[in-house]
Amino acid sequence: MKIRTLEYFVTLAESKSINEAAQKLYIAQPSLTKALHLLEEELNVQLFYRFSSGIFLTEAGKKILPEARQVVAYYYGWKSM
């Protein structure tokens, strides 16, 4: 798992739209979708429910989100030392 993938997950959870998150991250929507799919495979859990009206965190996604935010924050804290 890469730190960038966790950043994608956090941004996606906050955006609630794959297209909006992709724009914020300056990446193509298919790349974001693929990264999310690979993260879900790696963790063996579905993180989002996908609907035409947007995406919503599953219970597992809700549990992982604060921890993912913390890992990303730690990473950037370590980099600034």
N, C-alpha and C. Protein backbone atom coordinates (compact mmCIF):
# COMPACT_ATOMS: atom_id res chain seq x y z
N MET A 1 0.85 -1.17 0.00
CA MET A 1 0.00 0.00 0.00
C MET A 1 0.90 1.24 0.00
N LYS A 2 0.54 2.20 -0.81
CA LYS A 2 1.30 3.43 -0.92
C LYS A 2 0.57 4.56 -0.21
N ILE A 3 1.34 5.53 0.26
CA ILE A 3 0.74 6.67 0.95
C ILE A 3 -0.20 7.41 0.00
N ARG A 4 0.15 7.48 -1.26
CA ARG A 4 -0.69 8.16 -2.24
C ARG A 4 -2.08 7.51 -2.32
N THR A 5 -2.12 6.20 -2.22
CA THR A 5 -3.40 5.49 -2.25
C THR A 5 -4.26 5.89 -1.07
N LEU A 6 -3.65 6.04 0.10
CA LEU A 6 -4.40 6.49 1.26
C LEU A 6 -4.89 7.92 1.07
N GLU A 7 -4.08 8.76 0.45
CA GLU A 7 -4.50 10.13 0.15
C GLU A 7 -5.71 10.11 -0.80
N TYR A 8 -5.67 9.24 -1.78
CA TYR A 8 -6.79 9.10 -2.71
C TYR A 8 -8.05 8.70 -1.95
N PHE A 9 -7.91 7.73 -1.06
CA PHE A 9 -9.05 7.25 -0.29
C PHE A 9 -9.66 8.37 0.55
N VAL A 10 -8.81 9.12 1.24
CA VAL A 10 -9.28 10.21 2.10
C VAL A 10 -9.97 11.29 1.25
N THR A 11 -9.36 11.67 0.16
CA THR A 11 -9.94 12.70 -0.71
C THR A 11 -11.27 12.24 -1.27
N LEU A 12 -11.33 11.00 -1.67
CA LEU A 12 -12.57 10.45 -2.22
C LEU A 12 -13.67 10.42 -1.16
N ALA A 13 -13.33 10.03 0.04
CA ALA A 13 -14.31 9.99 1.13
C ALA A 13 -14.84 11.39 1.44
N GLU A 14 -13.99 12.38 1.36
CA GLU A 14 -14.39 13.75 1.65
C GLU A 14 -15.17 14.37 0.50
N SER A 15 -14.90 13.94 -0.72
CA SER A 15 -15.55 14.52 -1.90
C SER A 15 -16.91 13.91 -2.17
N LYS A 16 -17.05 12.62 -1.90
CA LYS A 16 -18.28 11.87 -2.17
C LYS A 16 -18.63 11.82 -3.66
N SER A 17 -17.64 12.08 -4.50
CA SER A 17 -17.80 11.98 -5.94
C SER A 17 -16.45 11.62 -6.55
N ILE A 18 -16.44 10.61 -7.38
CA ILE A 18 -15.18 10.19 -7.99
C ILE A 18 -14.64 11.29 -8.91
N ASN A 19 -15.52 11.90 -9.69
CA ASN A 19 -15.07 12.96 -10.60
C ASN A 19 -14.51 14.16 -9.83
N GLU A 20 -15.19 14.57 -8.77
CA GLU A 20 -14.72 15.70 -7.96
C GLU A 20 -13.37 15.37 -7.32
N ALA A 21 -13.24 14.18 -6.77
CA ALA A 21 -11.97 13.77 -6.14
C ALA A 21 -10.85 13.73 -7.17
N ALA A 22 -11.14 13.20 -8.34
CA ALA A 22 -10.11 13.14 -9.39
C ALA A 22 -9.63 14.53 -9.77
N GLN A 23 -10.56 15.48 -9.85
CA GLN A 23 -10.17 16.86 -10.16
C GLN A 23 -9.30 17.44 -9.05
N LYS A 24 -9.67 17.21 -7.80
CA LYS A 24 -8.88 17.72 -6.67
C LYS A 24 -7.48 17.13 -6.66
N LEU A 25 -7.38 15.87 -7.07
CA LEU A 25 -6.10 15.16 -7.04
C LEU A 25 -5.30 15.34 -8.33
N TYR A 26 -5.90 16.00 -9.32
CA TYR A 26 -5.26 16.21 -10.62
C TYR A 26 -4.88 14.90 -11.30
N ILE A 27 -5.80 13.93 -11.22
CA ILE A 27 -5.60 12.66 -11.91
C ILE A 27 -6.86 12.33 -12.70
N ALA A 28 -6.74 11.39 -13.62
CA ALA A 28 -7.88 10.96 -14.41
C ALA A 28 -8.80 10.08 -13.56
N GLN A 29 -10.08 10.19 -13.80
CA GLN A 29 -11.07 9.42 -13.05
C GLN A 29 -10.80 7.92 -13.14
N PRO A 30 -10.46 7.37 -14.32
CA PRO A 30 -10.17 5.92 -14.36
C PRO A 30 -8.99 5.51 -13.49
N SER A 31 -7.99 6.37 -13.37
CA SER A 31 -6.84 6.07 -12.51
C SER A 31 -7.25 6.02 -11.05
N LEU A 32 -8.11 6.94 -10.64
CA LEU A 32 -8.59 6.95 -9.26
C LEU A 32 -9.45 5.72 -8.99
N THR A 33 -10.31 5.39 -9.92
CA THR A 33 -11.17 4.21 -9.77
C THR A 33 -10.32 2.94 -9.64
N LYS A 34 -9.29 2.84 -10.46
CA LYS A 34 -8.41 1.67 -10.41
C LYS A 34 -7.66 1.60 -9.08
N ALA A 35 -7.15 2.73 -8.61
CA ALA A 35 -6.43 2.75 -7.33
C ALA A 35 -7.35 2.33 -6.19
N LEU A 36 -8.58 2.82 -6.22
CA LEU A 36 -9.55 2.44 -5.20
C LEU A 36 -9.85 0.95 -5.25
N HIS A 37 -10.04 0.44 -6.43
CA HIS A 37 -10.32 -0.99 -6.59
C HIS A 37 -9.16 -1.83 -6.06
N LEU A 38 -7.93 -1.42 -6.36
CA LEU A 38 -6.76 -2.16 -5.88
C LEU A 38 -6.65 -2.10 -4.35
N LEU A 39 -6.98 -0.94 -3.77
CA LEU A 39 -6.95 -0.82 -2.31
C LEU A 39 -7.99 -1.75 -1.69
N GLU A 40 -9.18 -1.78 -2.26
CA GLU A 40 -10.22 -2.67 -1.74
C GLU A 40 -9.81 -4.13 -1.86
N GLU A 41 -9.15 -4.48 -2.96
CA GLU A 41 -8.65 -5.85 -3.11
C GLU A 41 -7.58 -6.17 -2.08
N GLU A 42 -6.66 -5.23 -1.89
CA GLU A 42 -5.56 -5.44 -0.94
C GLU A 42 -6.09 -5.62 0.48
N LEU A 43 -7.08 -4.82 0.84
CA LEU A 43 -7.64 -4.90 2.19
C LEU A 43 -8.73 -5.95 2.31
N ASN A 44 -9.16 -6.46 1.15
CA ASN A 44 -10.23 -7.47 1.09
C ASN A 44 -11.51 -6.96 1.76
N VAL A 45 -11.87 -5.71 1.42
CA VAL A 45 -13.06 -5.10 1.99
C VAL A 45 -13.60 -4.04 1.01
N GLN A 46 -14.89 -3.89 0.96
CA GLN A 46 -15.50 -2.83 0.16
C GLN A 46 -15.50 -1.56 1.00
N LEU A 47 -14.96 -0.48 0.46
CA LEU A 47 -14.85 0.77 1.20
C LEU A 47 -15.98 1.74 0.88
N PHE A 48 -16.54 1.64 -0.32
CA PHE A 48 -17.58 2.56 -0.75
C PHE A 48 -18.75 1.81 -1.38
N TYR A 49 -19.93 2.40 -1.20
CA TYR A 49 -21.09 2.02 -2.00
C TYR A 49 -21.11 2.99 -3.16
N ARG A 50 -21.32 2.49 -4.34
CA ARG A 50 -21.32 3.35 -5.53
C ARG A 50 -22.73 3.44 -6.08
N PHE A 51 -23.21 4.67 -6.24
CA PHE A 51 -24.53 4.93 -6.80
C PHE A 51 -24.40 6.01 -7.87
N SER A 52 -25.39 6.13 -8.71
CA SER A 52 -25.35 7.17 -9.74
C SER A 52 -25.33 8.56 -9.11
N SER A 53 -25.85 8.69 -7.91
CA SER A 53 -25.87 9.97 -7.20
C SER A 53 -24.58 10.27 -6.45
N GLY A 54 -23.64 9.33 -6.42
CA GLY A 54 -22.37 9.54 -5.73
C GLY A 54 -21.91 8.28 -5.03
N ILE A 55 -20.92 8.43 -4.19
CA ILE A 55 -20.37 7.31 -3.44
C ILE A 55 -20.51 7.59 -1.95
N PHE A 56 -20.64 6.52 -1.19
CA PHE A 56 -20.82 6.63 0.25
C PHE A 56 -19.98 5.57 0.92
N LEU A 57 -19.39 5.91 2.05
CA LEU A 57 -18.56 4.96 2.79
C LEU A 57 -19.39 3.80 3.34
N THR A 58 -18.82 2.61 3.24
CA THR A 58 -19.38 1.45 3.93
C THR A 58 -19.00 1.56 5.40
N GLU A 59 -19.48 0.66 6.21
CA GLU A 59 -19.08 0.66 7.63
C GLU A 59 -17.57 0.47 7.75
N ALA A 60 -17.01 -0.40 6.93
CA ALA A 60 -15.56 -0.61 6.96
C ALA A 60 -14.83 0.67 6.56
N GLY A 61 -15.34 1.34 5.53
CA GLY A 61 -14.74 2.60 5.09
C GLY A 61 -14.78 3.65 6.18
N LYS A 62 -15.90 3.72 6.90
CA LYS A 62 -16.04 4.68 8.01
C LYS A 62 -15.03 4.39 9.12
N LYS A 63 -14.76 3.11 9.34
CA LYS A 63 -13.80 2.73 10.39
C LYS A 63 -12.37 3.05 9.96
N ILE A 64 -12.07 2.82 8.69
CA ILE A 64 -10.71 3.00 8.18
C ILE A 64 -10.37 4.47 7.97
N LEU A 65 -11.35 5.31 7.63
CA LEU A 65 -11.08 6.71 7.28
C LEU A 65 -10.28 7.47 8.34
N PRO A 66 -10.66 7.47 9.62
CA PRO A 66 -9.86 8.23 10.59
C PRO A 66 -8.44 7.71 10.71
N GLU A 67 -8.28 6.41 10.58
CA GLU A 67 -6.94 5.82 10.66
C GLU A 67 -6.11 6.20 9.44
N ALA A 68 -6.74 6.22 8.27
CA ALA A 68 -6.04 6.62 7.04
C ALA A 68 -5.61 8.08 7.14
N ARG A 69 -6.50 8.93 7.66
CA ARG A 69 -6.14 10.35 7.85
C ARG A 69 -4.93 10.48 8.77
N GLN A 70 -4.93 9.68 9.83
CA GLN A 70 -3.83 9.74 10.80
C GLN A 70 -2.52 9.28 10.17
N VAL A 71 -2.54 8.22 9.40
CA VAL A 71 -1.33 7.73 8.74
C VAL A 71 -0.78 8.78 7.79
N VAL A 72 -1.66 9.41 7.00
CA VAL A 72 -1.23 10.45 6.07
C VAL A 72 -0.64 11.62 6.84
N ALA A 73 -1.27 12.02 7.93
CA ALA A 73 -0.76 13.12 8.76
C ALA A 73 0.60 12.77 9.35
N TYR A 74 0.75 11.55 9.85
CA TYR A 74 2.05 11.11 10.38
C TYR A 74 3.12 11.18 9.29
N TYR A 75 2.79 10.68 8.13
CA TYR A 75 3.75 10.65 7.02
C TYR A 75 4.27 12.05 6.72
N TYR A 76 3.37 13.01 6.56
CA TYR A 76 3.81 14.36 6.24
C TYR A 76 4.49 15.03 7.43
N GLY A 77 4.12 14.63 8.64
CA GLY A 77 4.84 15.11 9.81
C GLY A 77 6.27 14.61 9.85
N TRP A 78 6.44 13.37 9.50
CA TRP A 78 7.79 12.79 9.45
C TRP A 78 8.64 13.45 8.38
N LYS A 79 8.02 13.74 7.24
CA LYS A 79 8.76 14.36 6.14
C LYS A 79 9.24 15.75 6.48
N SER A 80 8.54 16.44 7.38
CA SER A 80 8.91 17.82 7.69
C SER A 80 9.94 17.91 8.82
N MET A 81 10.39 16.77 9.32
CA MET A 81 11.37 16.79 10.41
C MET A 81 12.74 17.13 9.89
